[in-house]
Protein backbone atom coordinates (compact mmCIF):
# COMPACT_ATOMS: atom_id res chain seq x y z
CA MET A 1 -12.42 -8.78 -6.79
CA ALA A 2 -9.43 -11.03 -6.29
CA ALA A 3 -9.60 -12.13 -9.95
CA ALA A 4 -9.84 -8.51 -11.04
CA ALA A 5 -6.89 -7.55 -8.81
CA ASN A 6 -4.79 -10.30 -10.40
CA ILE A 7 -5.73 -9.26 -13.96
CA PHE A 8 -5.13 -5.56 -13.22
CA ALA A 9 -1.82 -6.33 -11.51
CA VAL A 10 -0.59 -8.19 -14.61
CA ALA A 11 -2.20 -6.24 -17.48
CA GLY A 12 -2.97 -2.90 -15.82
CA TYR A 13 -6.38 -1.30 -15.97
CA ARG A 14 -6.33 -0.64 -19.67
CA GLY A 15 -5.02 -4.10 -20.50
CA GLY A 16 -7.50 -6.04 -18.35
CA SER A 17 -11.07 -6.62 -19.34
CA LEU A 18 -14.32 -7.65 -17.66
CA ARG A 19 -14.57 -10.49 -20.17
CA GLN A 20 -11.15 -11.76 -19.15
CA ILE A 21 -12.10 -11.52 -15.45
CA ALA A 22 -15.36 -13.34 -16.13
CA SER A 23 -13.51 -16.05 -18.07
CA ASP A 24 -10.94 -16.52 -15.30
CA LEU A 25 -13.79 -17.00 -12.81
CA GLY A 26 -15.77 -19.33 -15.10
CA LEU A 27 -18.66 -16.79 -15.08
CA SER A 28 -20.53 -15.11 -17.89
CA PHE A 29 -19.73 -11.56 -18.82
CA THR A 30 -23.26 -10.53 -17.85
CA SER A 31 -22.77 -12.01 -14.35
CA VAL A 32 -19.75 -9.82 -13.74
CA LYS A 33 -21.55 -6.79 -15.25
CA HIS A 34 -24.51 -7.42 -12.89
CA HIS A 35 -22.32 -7.00 -9.81
CA PHE A 36 -19.97 -4.35 -11.15
CA HIS A 37 -21.67 -2.37 -13.86
CA THR A 38 -18.42 -1.07 -15.25
CA LYS A 39 -14.73 -1.96 -15.23
CA GLU A 40 -14.14 1.37 -13.51
CA ASN A 41 -16.50 0.38 -10.67
CA LEU A 42 -14.67 -2.92 -10.23
CA LEU A 43 -11.28 -1.20 -10.20
CA ILE A 44 -12.36 1.27 -7.53
CA ALA A 45 -13.83 -1.54 -5.42
CA VAL A 46 -10.57 -3.49 -5.65
CA LEU A 47 -8.52 -0.40 -4.68
CA GLU A 48 -10.80 0.56 -1.82
CA ALA A 49 -10.81 -2.98 -0.37
CA ASN A 50 -7.00 -3.11 -0.48
CA ASP A 51 -6.62 0.30 1.15
CA ALA A 52 -9.26 -0.32 3.85
CA LEU A 53 -7.37 -3.32 5.15
CA ALA A 54 -4.05 -1.42 5.21
CA VAL A 55 -5.53 1.55 7.12
CA GLU A 56 -7.22 -0.80 9.62
CA ASN A 57 -3.93 -2.60 10.29
CA LEU A 58 -1.96 0.63 10.56
CA LYS A 59 -4.38 2.15 13.06
CA ALA A 60 -4.47 -1.02 15.17
CA ASP A 61 -0.64 -1.23 15.26
CA LYS A 62 -0.19 2.47 15.86
CA ALA A 63 -2.06 2.31 19.15
CA GLY A 64 0.49 -0.06 20.65
CA LEU A 65 3.68 0.52 18.69
CA GLY A 66 3.79 4.16 17.75
CA PHE A 67 4.06 5.54 14.27
CA LEU A 68 7.46 4.28 13.14
CA GLU A 69 6.96 0.68 14.22
CA SER A 70 3.37 0.54 12.94
CA ALA A 71 4.47 1.76 9.51
CA ILE A 72 7.27 -0.84 9.45
CA ALA A 73 4.75 -3.53 10.53
CA LEU A 74 2.46 -2.56 7.65
CA ALA A 75 5.33 -2.69 5.16
CA GLN A 76 6.31 -6.10 6.57
CA ARG A 77 2.76 -7.41 6.03
CA ASN A 78 2.80 -6.04 2.52
CA LEU A 79 5.78 -8.27 1.67
CA GLY A 80 3.27 -11.13 1.54
CA LYS A 81 1.05 -9.22 -0.86
CA ARG A 82 3.35 -8.73 -3.81
CA GLY A 83 0.51 -8.80 -6.32
CA ALA A 84 -1.48 -6.14 -4.46
CA GLN A 85 1.59 -3.93 -4.16
CA ARG A 86 2.38 -4.35 -7.85
CA LEU A 87 -1.23 -3.44 -8.63
CA LEU A 88 -1.02 -0.22 -6.62
CA ALA A 89 2.33 0.75 -8.21
CA LEU A 90 1.12 0.00 -11.73
CA LEU A 91 -2.25 1.71 -11.33
CA ALA A 92 -0.70 4.75 -9.61
CA ALA A 93 1.52 5.26 -12.60
CA GLU A 94 -1.35 4.69 -15.05
CA ALA A 95 -3.65 6.96 -13.05
CA SER A 96 -1.23 9.87 -13.24
CA ALA A 97 -2.94 10.54 -16.58
CA PRO A 98 -5.92 12.86 -15.91
CA ASP A 99 -8.22 10.80 -18.16
CA HIS A 100 -7.63 7.55 -16.27
CA PRO A 101 -10.72 6.29 -14.42
CA ALA A 102 -8.84 6.02 -11.14
CA HIS A 103 -7.10 9.42 -11.38
CA ALA A 104 -9.39 11.12 -8.85
CA TRP A 105 -9.29 8.10 -6.57
CA PHE A 106 -5.49 8.17 -6.44
CA LEU A 107 -5.42 11.91 -5.81
CA GLU A 108 -7.80 11.37 -2.89
CA ARG A 109 -5.77 8.36 -1.69
CA TYR A 110 -2.52 10.29 -1.58
CA GLU A 111 -4.24 13.07 0.41
CA ARG A 112 -5.80 10.45 2.77
CA VAL A 113 -2.51 8.56 3.26
CA ARG A 114 -0.55 11.75 3.75
CA GLY A 115 -3.13 12.72 6.40
CA HIS A 116 -2.81 9.37 8.19
CA LEU A 117 0.98 9.63 8.17
CA ALA A 118 0.96 13.28 9.39
CA GLN A 119 -1.48 12.33 12.15
CA GLY A 120 0.69 9.48 13.28
CA ILE A 121 3.75 11.69 13.37
CA ALA A 122 1.89 14.39 15.27
CA GLU A 123 0.69 11.83 17.80
CA ASP A 124 4.25 10.65 18.34
CA ILE A 125 5.40 14.22 18.79
CA ALA A 126 2.67 14.77 21.37
CA ALA A 127 3.69 11.54 23.14
CA GLY A 128 7.30 12.68 23.27
CA ARG A 129 8.55 9.95 20.88
CA LEU A 130 9.56 12.47 18.21
CA SER A 131 11.01 15.91 18.24
CA ALA A 132 8.58 18.84 18.24
CA GLU A 133 10.73 20.40 15.55
CA ILE A 134 9.53 17.84 12.96
CA ASP A 135 6.86 19.18 10.61
CA PRO A 136 4.29 16.36 10.33
CA SER A 137 2.90 17.43 6.98
CA SER A 138 6.11 17.82 5.02
CA THR A 139 7.63 14.80 6.72
CA ALA A 140 4.61 12.73 5.70
CA THR A 141 5.06 13.75 2.09
CA THR A 142 8.72 12.73 2.17
CA LEU A 143 7.91 9.44 3.88
CA MET A 144 5.33 8.62 1.21
CA ALA A 145 7.90 9.21 -1.52
CA LEU A 146 10.48 7.08 0.28
CA TRP A 147 7.93 4.27 0.86
CA ASP A 148 6.78 4.29 -2.80
CA GLY A 149 10.37 4.36 -4.07
CA LEU A 150 11.58 1.55 -1.86
CA GLN A 151 8.51 -0.55 -2.64
CA LEU A 152 9.16 -0.14 -6.37
CA GLN A 153 12.75 -1.30 -5.90
CA TRP A 154 11.48 -4.33 -3.99
CA LEU A 155 9.03 -5.10 -6.83
CA LEU A 156 11.89 -4.92 -9.36
CA TYR A 157 14.45 -6.73 -7.19
CA PRO A 158 12.77 -9.43 -5.04
CA ASP A 159 15.87 -9.87 -2.86
CA PHE A 160 15.97 -6.14 -2.01
CA ASP A 161 15.65 -5.66 1.72
CA MET A 162 12.88 -3.06 1.67
CA ILE A 163 12.22 -3.27 5.41
CA SER A 164 15.78 -2.52 6.42
CA ALA A 165 16.02 0.32 3.95
CA MET A 166 12.66 1.68 5.05
CA ARG A 167 13.59 1.55 8.71
CA LYS A 168 16.83 3.41 8.05
CA GLY A 169 15.16 6.00 5.87
CA PHE A 170 12.21 6.55 8.24
CA GLU A 171 14.51 6.80 11.27
CA ALA A 172 16.71 9.35 9.48
CA LEU A 173 13.69 11.48 8.60
CA LEU A 174 11.90 11.12 11.93
CA ARG A 175 14.99 11.64 14.13
CA ALA A 176 16.13 14.74 12.19
CA SER A 177 15.25 17.97 13.95
């Protein structure tokens, strides 16, 4: 899956091939096909593995840090995963086309992530860390857009201080009432 993630991060889904992945691994094409019957299956496995780790980290951090700090901690960890973040950005753009094999997966992912963010915000409201006037659902949507936009700038400009910009943006949204 790591080889596939690297290929997809560089060439995108449509530009990468199972043959190229097999070649990079020193395996036969049929060996790769045996484990992942289609390129689509491999793509979804790569995306799900990447997301599962992020959700696990976010949940673990949220318990001790609260929503804002757990989100910042996740973004900080992602700084060391430039290839994975580029893969998500590239594939999210590609998958905006309804005929893309990962289109449904990304729709579900955005709903799932929005739900995690809204839940974290709601928990912080219940704990008294955030104002009860904040709407968790709409704020989660705005935070996702901010996160994606800042991450794209970081991918384009490696010296861009995404964490500082994210903290300022998140604080502005979460402190507004």
